[in-house]
Amino acid sequence: MQVLLFYISCVFGLLPFIYFLLNYKTVGKDVSLFKPFIFLAFFSTLYEFIFSYMLKINSSVWFRIYLLLEFMCIFYFYFNLFEKQIKARRMAFFGLILYIFLFGILLFYWKENDNLKTDSFLSAYNTLFVILFSLLWFQKIFSNIAIDNLFRSPIFIIISALLIYYTSTLFLFLMSDYMLKDKEYSFIAFWQINVVSIIILRIFFIIGIKNSFKK
């Protein structure tokens, strides 16, 4: 089951990128906001399948790099989402500076063979950032009623996907170091929550691309 889920997550890591390439002439401008997510999913899938799964290379360093790239995608998405709201953009930029500072500080405590504890702080920061700026976006939308049908909005689809993914995996990332070291818990079994959440996230990417097609 675990291997099957891994293969499924790999397929859905590649599909959004392929789907985007096949339809890049018809997708709307909203896709440009979450295009970095699509590219990151594609290249991270290739790396994890080739280097982590096939070649059995330790993925600790890659996961730390991935967390940085992941946050840059998050920042890019929300920073450009609030294009005409200077206050929100300043908050996002401040969040970026704070993240880089936290990332740098945690490097002093990071160990390749014991990385989950420090990585969990970065994952928690990503989650809080997503929740905060998602709420700001919902406040803007509902106060101005700027979108007629939210369920047809690519931005709503992606924000919903990000909220589902980060809130559903927050506890897992925070407890991952403890569960890995405690033999009473099956870390691999718990980690499947993350794999399933990634699959759902990537399915939403495809839906977001589809909903952006120019009429």
Protein backbone atom coordinates (compact mmCIF):
# COMPACT_ATOMS: atom_id res chain seq x y z
CA MET A 1 0.00 0.00 0.00
CA GLN A 2 2.82 2.38 0.90
CA VAL A 3 4.62 1.73 -2.39
CA LEU A 4 1.37 2.16 -4.32
CA LEU A 5 0.70 5.53 -2.68
CA PHE A 6 4.24 6.61 -3.49
CA TYR A 7 3.79 5.74 -7.17
CA ILE A 8 0.44 7.55 -7.25
CA SER A 9 1.98 10.66 -5.68
CA CYS A 10 4.75 10.54 -8.31
CA VAL A 11 2.20 10.36 -11.12
CA PHE A 12 0.28 13.32 -9.72
CA GLY A 13 3.55 15.18 -9.24
CA LEU A 14 4.17 15.02 -12.98
CA LEU A 15 0.60 15.41 -14.26
CA PRO A 16 0.00 19.10 -13.37
CA PHE A 17 3.20 20.09 -15.20
CA ILE A 18 2.35 17.97 -18.25
CA TYR A 19 -1.25 19.22 -18.24
CA PHE A 20 0.00 22.80 -18.06
CA LEU A 21 2.40 22.30 -20.98
CA LEU A 22 -0.32 20.73 -23.12
CA ASN A 23 -2.68 23.65 -22.45
CA TYR A 24 -0.37 26.62 -21.86
CA LYS A 25 -1.92 28.58 -24.73
CA THR A 26 -5.41 28.38 -23.24
CA VAL A 27 -4.77 28.81 -19.52
CA GLY A 28 -5.65 32.11 -17.86
CA LYS A 29 -3.34 34.55 -16.11
CA ASP A 30 -4.28 33.19 -12.66
CA VAL A 31 -2.13 30.12 -13.37
CA SER A 32 0.99 32.30 -13.32
CA LEU A 33 0.45 32.77 -9.58
CA PHE A 34 0.74 29.08 -8.76
CA LYS A 35 2.95 28.02 -11.66
CA PRO A 36 5.99 27.79 -9.32
CA PHE A 37 4.08 25.14 -7.31
CA ILE A 38 3.54 23.12 -10.50
CA PHE A 39 7.22 23.33 -11.47
CA LEU A 40 8.36 22.47 -7.94
CA ALA A 41 6.04 19.43 -7.82
CA PHE A 42 7.45 18.23 -11.13
CA PHE A 43 11.15 18.59 -10.28
CA SER A 44 10.78 17.36 -6.69
CA THR A 45 8.98 14.26 -7.97
CA LEU A 46 11.83 13.51 -10.37
CA TYR A 47 14.39 14.04 -7.62
CA GLU A 48 12.59 11.91 -5.05
CA PHE A 49 11.94 9.07 -7.49
CA ILE A 50 15.44 8.97 -8.99
CA PHE A 51 17.69 9.92 -6.08
CA SER A 52 15.71 9.04 -2.97
CA TYR A 53 13.78 5.99 -4.18
CA MET A 54 15.95 4.47 -6.91
CA LEU A 55 19.47 5.45 -5.77
CA LYS A 56 18.65 5.40 -2.01
CA ILE A 57 20.40 8.72 -1.37
CA ASN A 58 19.72 10.32 2.01
CA SER A 59 17.01 12.92 1.45
CA SER A 60 17.59 15.02 4.59
CA VAL A 61 19.48 17.78 2.75
CA TRP A 62 16.97 17.75 -0.11
CA PHE A 63 14.03 18.05 2.28
CA ARG A 64 15.57 21.13 3.91
CA ILE A 65 16.16 22.70 0.46
CA TYR A 66 12.61 21.74 -0.52
CA LEU A 67 11.18 23.56 2.49
CA LEU A 68 12.94 26.75 1.36
CA LEU A 69 11.73 26.36 -2.24
CA GLU A 70 8.25 25.55 -1.01
CA PHE A 71 8.08 28.72 1.03
CA MET A 72 9.33 30.79 -1.89
CA CYS A 73 6.42 29.40 -3.94
CA ILE A 74 4.00 30.28 -1.14
CA PHE A 75 5.43 33.78 -0.84
CA TYR A 76 5.31 34.35 -4.61
CA PHE A 77 1.69 33.22 -4.74
CA TYR A 78 0.35 35.42 -1.95
CA PHE A 79 2.61 38.41 -2.65
CA ASN A 80 1.33 38.64 -6.22
CA LEU A 81 -2.21 37.76 -5.18
CA PHE A 82 -2.38 41.03 -3.22
CA GLU A 83 -1.02 43.06 -6.12
CA LYS A 84 -3.02 46.20 -5.27
CA GLN A 85 -2.92 45.89 -1.47
CA ILE A 86 0.29 47.50 -0.26
CA LYS A 87 -0.29 46.59 3.40
CA ALA A 88 -0.74 42.87 2.66
CA ARG A 89 2.31 42.86 0.38
CA ARG A 90 4.41 44.50 3.09
CA MET A 91 3.23 41.87 5.56
CA ALA A 92 4.16 39.11 3.10
CA PHE A 93 7.60 40.64 2.53
CA PHE A 94 8.14 40.89 6.29
CA GLY A 95 7.10 37.23 6.53
CA LEU A 96 9.74 36.38 3.92
CA ILE A 97 12.48 38.19 5.86
CA LEU A 98 11.40 36.45 9.08
CA TYR A 99 11.43 33.06 7.36
CA ILE A 100 14.94 33.58 5.97
CA PHE A 101 16.10 34.62 9.45
CA LEU A 102 14.49 31.54 11.03
CA PHE A 103 15.92 29.30 8.29
CA GLY A 104 19.40 30.67 8.93
CA ILE A 105 19.16 30.28 12.72
CA LEU A 106 17.94 26.70 12.45
CA LEU A 107 20.88 25.80 10.21
CA PHE A 108 23.12 26.04 13.28
CA TYR A 109 21.06 23.32 14.99
CA TRP A 110 20.39 21.18 11.92
CA LYS A 111 21.88 17.69 11.75
CA GLU A 112 21.63 15.45 8.72
CA ASN A 113 20.78 12.37 10.80
CA ASP A 114 18.41 14.24 13.12
CA ASN A 115 16.72 16.83 10.94
CA LEU A 116 13.01 16.41 11.61
CA LYS A 117 12.91 18.52 14.76
CA THR A 118 14.27 21.70 13.15
CA ASP A 119 12.43 21.06 9.87
CA SER A 120 9.15 20.92 11.77
CA PHE A 121 9.54 24.57 12.83
CA LEU A 122 9.80 25.61 9.19
CA SER A 123 6.77 23.49 8.27
CA ALA A 124 4.79 25.11 11.09
CA TYR A 125 5.83 28.57 9.85
CA ASN A 126 4.67 27.70 6.33
CA THR A 127 1.31 26.63 7.73
CA LEU A 128 0.81 29.82 9.74
CA PHE A 129 1.78 31.92 6.71
CA VAL A 130 -0.75 30.11 4.50
CA ILE A 131 -3.54 30.41 7.07
CA LEU A 132 -2.93 34.14 7.70
CA PHE A 133 -2.84 35.22 4.06
CA SER A 134 -5.66 32.90 3.07
CA LEU A 135 -7.86 34.56 5.68
CA LEU A 136 -6.84 37.98 4.37
CA TRP A 137 -7.82 36.90 0.86
CA PHE A 138 -11.19 35.55 2.01
CA GLN A 139 -11.81 38.81 3.87
CA LYS A 140 -11.08 40.78 0.70
CA ILE A 141 -13.29 38.58 -1.46
CA PHE A 142 -16.29 38.49 0.84
CA SER A 143 -16.13 42.22 1.57
CA ASN A 144 -16.00 43.15 -2.13
CA ILE A 145 -17.84 40.15 -3.60
CA ALA A 146 -15.27 40.18 -6.39
CA ILE A 147 -15.86 36.60 -7.58
CA ASP A 148 -19.25 35.37 -8.77
CA ASN A 149 -18.59 31.65 -8.41
CA LEU A 150 -15.83 30.70 -5.98
CA PHE A 151 -15.86 27.05 -7.03
CA ARG A 152 -14.93 28.08 -10.57
CA SER A 153 -12.12 30.34 -9.38
CA PRO A 154 -8.59 28.87 -9.84
CA ILE A 155 -7.35 31.02 -6.96
CA PHE A 156 -10.03 29.70 -4.60
CA ILE A 157 -9.18 26.14 -5.64
CA ILE A 158 -5.47 26.61 -4.94
CA ILE A 159 -5.99 28.42 -1.62
CA SER A 160 -8.38 25.68 -0.51
CA ALA A 161 -5.80 23.07 -1.52
CA LEU A 162 -3.03 24.83 0.42
CA LEU A 163 -5.22 25.12 3.52
CA ILE A 164 -6.21 21.46 3.36
CA TYR A 165 -2.65 20.29 2.86
CA TYR A 166 -0.92 22.40 5.50
CA THR A 167 -3.54 22.07 8.22
CA SER A 168 -3.85 18.31 7.72
CA THR A 169 -0.09 17.73 7.95
CA LEU A 170 0.81 20.29 10.64
CA PHE A 171 0.46 17.86 13.55
CA LEU A 172 2.34 15.18 11.62
CA PHE A 173 5.34 17.45 10.99
CA LEU A 174 5.40 18.72 14.56
CA MET A 175 5.34 15.18 15.97
CA SER A 176 7.46 13.50 13.28
CA ASP A 177 10.69 13.55 15.30
CA TYR A 178 8.96 12.06 18.34
CA MET A 179 7.15 9.37 16.32
CA LEU A 180 10.34 8.40 14.50
CA LYS A 181 12.24 7.82 17.75
CA ASP A 182 9.41 6.11 19.66
CA LYS A 183 9.23 2.46 18.63
CA GLU A 184 5.59 2.25 19.69
CA TYR A 185 4.65 4.28 16.62
CA SER A 186 4.98 3.31 12.98
CA PHE A 187 6.46 6.42 11.45
CA ILE A 188 5.99 5.14 7.90
CA ALA A 189 2.29 4.50 8.55
CA PHE A 190 1.80 8.03 9.89
CA TRP A 191 3.79 9.47 6.99
CA GLN A 192 1.17 8.17 4.57
CA ILE A 193 -1.02 11.05 5.76
CA ASN A 194 1.48 13.38 4.12
CA VAL A 195 1.57 11.31 0.94
CA VAL A 196 -2.24 11.30 0.62
CA SER A 197 -2.35 15.05 1.33
CA ILE A 198 0.25 15.65 -1.41
CA ILE A 199 -1.84 13.65 -3.88
CA ILE A 200 -4.93 15.73 -3.03
CA LEU A 201 -2.91 18.95 -3.35
CA ARG A 202 -1.66 17.99 -6.81
CA ILE A 203 -5.14 16.99 -7.97
CA PHE A 204 -6.27 20.50 -6.98
CA PHE A 205 -3.44 21.92 -9.10
CA ILE A 206 -4.93 20.18 -12.14
CA ILE A 207 -8.41 21.46 -11.28
CA GLY A 208 -7.01 24.97 -10.85
CA ILE A 209 -5.38 24.84 -14.29
CA LYS A 210 -8.59 23.52 -15.86
CA ASN A 211 -10.72 26.23 -14.25
CA SER A 212 -8.42 28.92 -15.61
CA PHE A 213 -9.03 28.09 -19.27
CA LYS A 214 -9.86 31.20 -21.27
CA LYS A 215 -13.47 31.37 -22.28
